[in-house]
């Protein structure tokens, strides 16, 4: 199984390039992937902002 950080970087790179993701169902079994992804969004101060700013 690939390292979670490697997988997240590949997903981000494909998203930036506008490429689709395929066969990602296998990643659902990687617990570390969830922990790393949550760690990235948890520290985001804007994640708890209510509504949209003008």
PDB file of N, CA and C in Angstrom:
ATOM      1  N   UNK A   1       0.843  -1.173   0.000  1.00  0.00           N
ATOM      2  CA  UNK A   1       0.000   0.000   0.000  1.00  0.00           C
ATOM      3  C   UNK A   1       0.894   1.245   0.000  1.00  0.00           C
ATOM      4  N   UNK A   2       0.524   2.223  -0.777  1.00  0.00           N
ATOM      5  CA  UNK A   2       1.334   3.423  -0.906  1.00  0.00           C
ATOM      6  C   UNK A   2       1.228   4.297   0.332  1.00  0.00           C
ATOM      7  N   UNK A   3       2.264   5.104   0.532  1.00  0.00           N
ATOM      8  CA  UNK A   3       2.261   6.040   1.638  1.00  0.00           C
ATOM      9  C   UNK A   3       1.163   7.079   1.446  1.00  0.00           C
ATOM     10  N   UNK A   4       0.501   7.462   2.519  1.00  0.00           N
ATOM     11  CA  UNK A   4      -0.625   8.395   2.453  1.00  0.00           C
ATOM     12  C   UNK A   4      -0.190   9.734   1.871  1.00  0.00           C
ATOM     13  N   UNK A   5       0.954  10.228   2.259  1.00  0.00           N
ATOM     14  CA  UNK A   5       1.421  11.531   1.770  1.00  0.00           C
ATOM     15  C   UNK A   5       1.650  11.493   0.261  1.00  0.00           C
ATOM     16  N   UNK A   6       2.181  10.404  -0.244  1.00  0.00           N
ATOM     17  CA  UNK A   6       2.405  10.240  -1.676  1.00  0.00           C
ATOM     18  C   UNK A   6       1.086  10.254  -2.438  1.00  0.00           C
ATOM     19  N   UNK A   7       0.096   9.558  -1.907  1.00  0.00           N
ATOM     20  CA  UNK A   7      -1.219   9.488  -2.547  1.00  0.00           C
ATOM     21  C   UNK A   7      -1.877  10.865  -2.560  1.00  0.00           C
ATOM     22  N   UNK A   8      -1.837  11.570  -1.430  1.00  0.00           N
ATOM     23  CA  UNK A   8      -2.456  12.893  -1.360  1.00  0.00           C
ATOM     24  C   UNK A   8      -1.786  13.873  -2.318  1.00  0.00           C
ATOM     25  N   UNK A   9      -0.487  13.790  -2.430  1.00  0.00           N
ATOM     26  CA  UNK A   9       0.229  14.666  -3.374  1.00  0.00           C
ATOM     27  C   UNK A   9      -0.166  14.357  -4.820  1.00  0.00           C
ATOM     28  N   UNK A  10      -0.315  13.093  -5.134  1.00  0.00           N
ATOM     29  CA  UNK A  10      -0.712  12.708  -6.492  1.00  0.00           C
ATOM     30  C   UNK A  10      -2.133  13.183  -6.795  1.00  0.00           C
ATOM     31  N   UNK A  11      -3.024  13.076  -5.809  1.00  0.00           N
ATOM     32  CA  UNK A  11      -4.395  13.545  -6.002  1.00  0.00           C
ATOM     33  C   UNK A  11      -4.409  15.052  -6.225  1.00  0.00           C
ATOM     34  N   UNK A  12      -3.648  15.781  -5.421  1.00  0.00           N
ATOM     35  CA  UNK A  12      -3.587  17.233  -5.569  1.00  0.00           C
ATOM     36  C   UNK A  12      -3.033  17.630  -6.934  1.00  0.00           C
ATOM     37  N   UNK A  13      -1.976  16.963  -7.363  1.00  0.00           N
ATOM     38  CA  UNK A  13      -1.354  17.269  -8.657  1.00  0.00           C
ATOM     39  C   UNK A  13      -2.333  17.019  -9.805  1.00  0.00           C
ATOM     40  N   UNK A  14      -3.042  15.900  -9.756  1.00  0.00           N
ATOM     41  CA  UNK A  14      -4.014  15.601 -10.817  1.00  0.00           C
ATOM     42  C   UNK A  14      -5.156  16.610 -10.812  1.00  0.00           C
ATOM     43  N   UNK A  15      -5.568  17.050  -9.637  1.00  0.00           N
ATOM     44  CA  UNK A  15      -6.617  18.051  -9.545  1.00  0.00           C
ATOM     45  C   UNK A  15      -6.188  19.386 -10.129  1.00  0.00           C
ATOM     46  N   UNK A  16      -4.954  19.779  -9.854  1.00  0.00           N
ATOM     47  CA  UNK A  16      -4.426  21.038 -10.388  1.00  0.00           C
ATOM     48  C   UNK A  16      -4.326  20.999 -11.907  1.00  0.00           C
ATOM     49  N   UNK A  17      -4.039  19.828 -12.443  1.00  0.00           N
ATOM     50  CA  UNK A  17      -3.904  19.682 -13.895  1.00  0.00           C
ATOM     51  C   UNK A  17      -5.243  19.380 -14.567  1.00  0.00           C
ATOM     52  N   UNK A  18      -6.307  19.214 -13.769  1.00  0.00           N
ATOM     53  CA  UNK A  18      -7.629  18.941 -14.317  1.00  0.00           C
ATOM     54  C   UNK A  18      -7.808  17.522 -14.818  1.00  0.00           C
ATOM     55  N   UNK A  19      -7.024  16.604 -14.304  1.00  0.00           N
ATOM     56  CA  UNK A  19      -7.099  15.208 -14.726  1.00  0.00           C
ATOM     57  C   UNK A  19      -8.038  14.423 -13.806  1.00  0.00           C
ATOM     58  N   UNK A  20      -8.757  13.454 -14.344  1.00  0.00           N
ATOM     59  CA  UNK A  20      -9.673  12.662 -13.512  1.00  0.00           C
ATOM     60  C   UNK A  20      -8.915  11.648 -12.649  1.00  0.00           C
ATOM     61  N   UNK A  21      -9.566  11.225 -11.591  1.00  0.00           N
ATOM     62  CA  UNK A  21      -9.027  10.161 -10.743  1.00  0.00           C
ATOM     63  C   UNK A  21      -9.749   8.871 -11.102  1.00  0.00           C
ATOM     64  N   UNK A  22      -9.012   7.785 -11.152  1.00  0.00           N
ATOM     65  CA  UNK A  22      -9.586   6.491 -11.500  1.00  0.00           C
ATOM     66  C   UNK A  22      -9.198   5.462 -10.456  1.00  0.00           C
ATOM     67  N   UNK A  23     -10.091   4.518 -10.215  1.00  0.00           N
ATOM     68  CA  UNK A  23      -9.850   3.394  -9.296  1.00  0.00           C
ATOM     69  C   UNK A  23      -9.413   3.852  -7.911  1.00  0.00           C
ATOM     70  N   UNK A  24     -10.078   4.853  -7.387  1.00  0.00           N
ATOM     71  CA  UNK A  24      -9.700   5.355  -6.070  1.00  0.00           C
ATOM     72  C   UNK A  24     -10.370   4.590  -4.931  1.00  0.00           C
ATOM     73  N   UNK A  25     -11.264   3.681  -5.264  1.00  0.00           N
ATOM     74  CA  UNK A  25     -11.947   2.906  -4.233  1.00  0.00           C
ATOM     75  C   UNK A  25     -10.974   2.150  -3.339  1.00  0.00           C
ATOM     76  N   UNK A  26      -9.821   1.757  -3.870  1.00  0.00           N
ATOM     77  CA  UNK A  26      -8.831   1.024  -3.074  1.00  0.00           C
ATOM     78  C   UNK A  26      -8.253   1.882  -1.958  1.00  0.00           C
ATOM     79  N   UNK A  27      -8.255   3.200  -2.169  1.00  0.00           N
ATOM     80  CA  UNK A  27      -7.690   4.100  -1.173  1.00  0.00           C
ATOM     81  C   UNK A  27      -8.535   4.158   0.092  1.00  0.00           C
ATOM     82  N   UNK A  28      -9.789   3.746  -0.001  1.00  0.00           N
ATOM     83  CA  UNK A  28     -10.671   3.789   1.155  1.00  0.00           C
ATOM     84  C   UNK A  28     -10.212   2.866   2.277  1.00  0.00           C
ATOM     85  N   UNK A  29      -9.326   1.935   1.974  1.00  0.00           N
ATOM     86  CA  UNK A  29      -8.825   1.006   2.975  1.00  0.00           C
ATOM     87  C   UNK A  29      -7.572   1.516   3.685  1.00  0.00           C
ATOM     88  N   UNK A  30      -7.071   2.664   3.262  1.00  0.00           N
ATOM     89  CA  UNK A  30      -5.842   3.223   3.831  1.00  0.00           C
ATOM     90  C   UNK A  30      -6.203   4.200   4.955  1.00  0.00           C
ATOM     91  N   UNK A  31      -6.153   3.737   6.187  1.00  0.00           N
ATOM     92  CA  UNK A  31      -6.528   4.560   7.347  1.00  0.00           C
ATOM     93  C   UNK A  31      -5.645   5.804   7.453  1.00  0.00           C
ATOM     94  N   UNK A  32      -4.371   5.665   7.159  1.00  0.00           N
ATOM     95  CA  UNK A  32      -3.458   6.801   7.262  1.00  0.00           C
ATOM     96  C   UNK A  32      -3.826   7.919   6.287  1.00  0.00           C
ATOM     97  N   UNK A  33      -4.441   7.559   5.171  1.00  0.00           N
ATOM     98  CA  UNK A  33      -4.872   8.565   4.204  1.00  0.00           C
ATOM     99  C   UNK A  33      -5.910   9.490   4.836  1.00  0.00           C
ATOM    100  N   UNK A  34      -6.859   8.925   5.571  1.00  0.00           N
ATOM    101  CA  UNK A  34      -7.872   9.726   6.251  1.00  0.00           C
ATOM    102  C   UNK A  34      -7.235  10.640   7.300  1.00  0.00           C
ATOM    103  N   UNK A  35      -6.306  10.094   8.065  1.00  0.00           N
ATOM    104  CA  UNK A  35      -5.664  10.879   9.111  1.00  0.00           C
ATOM    105  C   UNK A  35      -4.854  12.035   8.537  1.00  0.00           C
ATOM    106  N   UNK A  36      -4.122  11.783   7.465  1.00  0.00           N
ATOM    107  CA  UNK A  36      -3.338  12.849   6.831  1.00  0.00           C
ATOM    108  C   UNK A  36      -4.233  13.924   6.223  1.00  0.00           C
ATOM    109  N   UNK A  37      -5.286  13.493   5.547  1.00  0.00           N
ATOM    110  CA  UNK A  37      -6.199  14.442   4.917  1.00  0.00           C
ATOM    111  C   UNK A  37      -6.874  15.306   5.976  1.00  0.00           C
ATOM    112  N   UNK A  38      -7.317  14.698   7.060  1.00  0.00           N
ATOM    113  CA  UNK A  38      -7.950  15.462   8.131  1.00  0.00           C
ATOM    114  C   UNK A  38      -6.951  16.434   8.758  1.00  0.00           C
ATOM    115  N   UNK A  39      -5.726  16.000   8.918  1.00  0.00           N
ATOM    116  CA  UNK A  39      -4.691  16.875   9.465  1.00  0.00           C
ATOM    117  C   UNK A  39      -4.461  18.100   8.602  1.00  0.00           C
ATOM    118  N   UNK A  40      -4.619  17.967   7.318  1.00  0.00           N
ATOM    119  CA  UNK A  40      -4.443  19.103   6.402  1.00  0.00           C
ATOM    120  C   UNK A  40      -5.589  20.104   6.511  1.00  0.00           C
ATOM    121  N   UNK A  41      -6.817  19.634   6.671  1.00  0.00           N
ATOM    122  CA  UNK A  41      -7.943  20.568   6.721  1.00  0.00           C
ATOM    123  C   UNK A  41      -8.230  21.043   8.137  1.00  0.00           C
ATOM    124  N   UNK A  42      -7.834  20.292   9.143  1.00  0.00           N
ATOM    125  CA  UNK A  42      -8.107  20.674  10.520  1.00  0.00           C
ATOM    126  C   UNK A  42      -7.418  21.975  10.886  1.00  0.00           C
ATOM    127  N   UNK A  43      -6.210  22.165  10.422  1.00  0.00           N
ATOM    128  CA  UNK A  43      -5.436  23.350  10.785  1.00  0.00           C
ATOM    129  C   UNK A  43      -5.869  24.591  10.008  1.00  0.00           C
ATOM    130  N   UNK A  44      -6.799  24.437   9.087  1.00  0.00           N
ATOM    131  CA  UNK A  44      -7.284  25.546   8.280  1.00  0.00           C
ATOM    132  C   UNK A  44      -8.221  26.417   9.108  1.00  0.00           C
ATOM    133  N   UNK A  45      -7.819  27.651   9.395  1.00  0.00           N
ATOM    134  CA  UNK A  45      -8.628  28.552  10.210  1.00  0.00           C
ATOM    135  C   UNK A  45      -9.956  28.905   9.537  1.00  0.00           C
ATOM    136  N   UNK A  46     -10.003  28.887   8.216  1.00  0.00           N
ATOM    137  CA  UNK A  46     -11.219  29.227   7.504  1.00  0.00           C
ATOM    138  C   UNK A  46     -12.206  28.080   7.408  1.00  0.00           C
ATOM    139  N   UNK A  47     -11.842  26.897   7.880  1.00  0.00           N
ATOM    140  CA  UNK A  47     -12.704  25.734   7.759  1.00  0.00           C
ATOM    141  C   UNK A  47     -13.981  25.869   8.580  1.00  0.00           C
ATOM    142  N   UNK A  48     -13.964  26.700   9.613  1.00  0.00           N
ATOM    143  CA  UNK A  48     -15.146  26.849  10.463  1.00  0.00           C
ATOM    144  C   UNK A  48     -15.875  28.174  10.204  1.00  0.00           C
ATOM    145  N   UNK A  49     -15.495  28.868   9.155  1.00  0.00           N
ATOM    146  CA  UNK A  49     -16.119  30.135   8.835  1.00  0.00           C
ATOM    147  C   UNK A  49     -17.554  29.903   8.372  1.00  0.00           C
ATOM    148  N   UNK A  50     -18.488  30.667   8.955  1.00  0.00           N
ATOM    149  CA  UNK A  50     -19.889  30.535   8.567  1.00  0.00           C
ATOM    150  C   UNK A  50     -20.171  31.389   7.338  1.00  0.00           C
ATOM    151  N   UNK A  51     -20.856  30.842   6.368  1.00  0.00           N
ATOM    152  CA  UNK A  51     -21.281  31.588   5.213  1.00  0.00           C
ATOM    153  C   UNK A  51     -20.164  31.965   4.257  1.00  0.00           C
ATOM    154  N   UNK A  52     -20.480  32.884   3.364  1.00  0.00           N
ATOM    155  CA  UNK A  52     -19.541  33.314   2.338  1.00  0.00           C
ATOM    156  C   UNK A  52     -19.204  34.778   2.577  1.00  0.00           C
ATOM    157  N   UNK A  53     -17.929  35.115   2.426  1.00  0.00           N
ATOM    158  CA  UNK A  53     -17.531  36.520   2.585  1.00  0.00           C
ATOM    159  C   UNK A  53     -17.689  37.258   1.274  1.00  0.00           C
ATOM    160  N   UNK A  54     -17.953  38.543   1.362  1.00  0.00           N
ATOM    161  CA  UNK A  54     -18.165  39.347   0.167  1.00  0.00           C
ATOM    162  C   UNK A  54     -16.908  39.626  -0.503  1.00  0.00           C
TER     163      UNK A  54
END
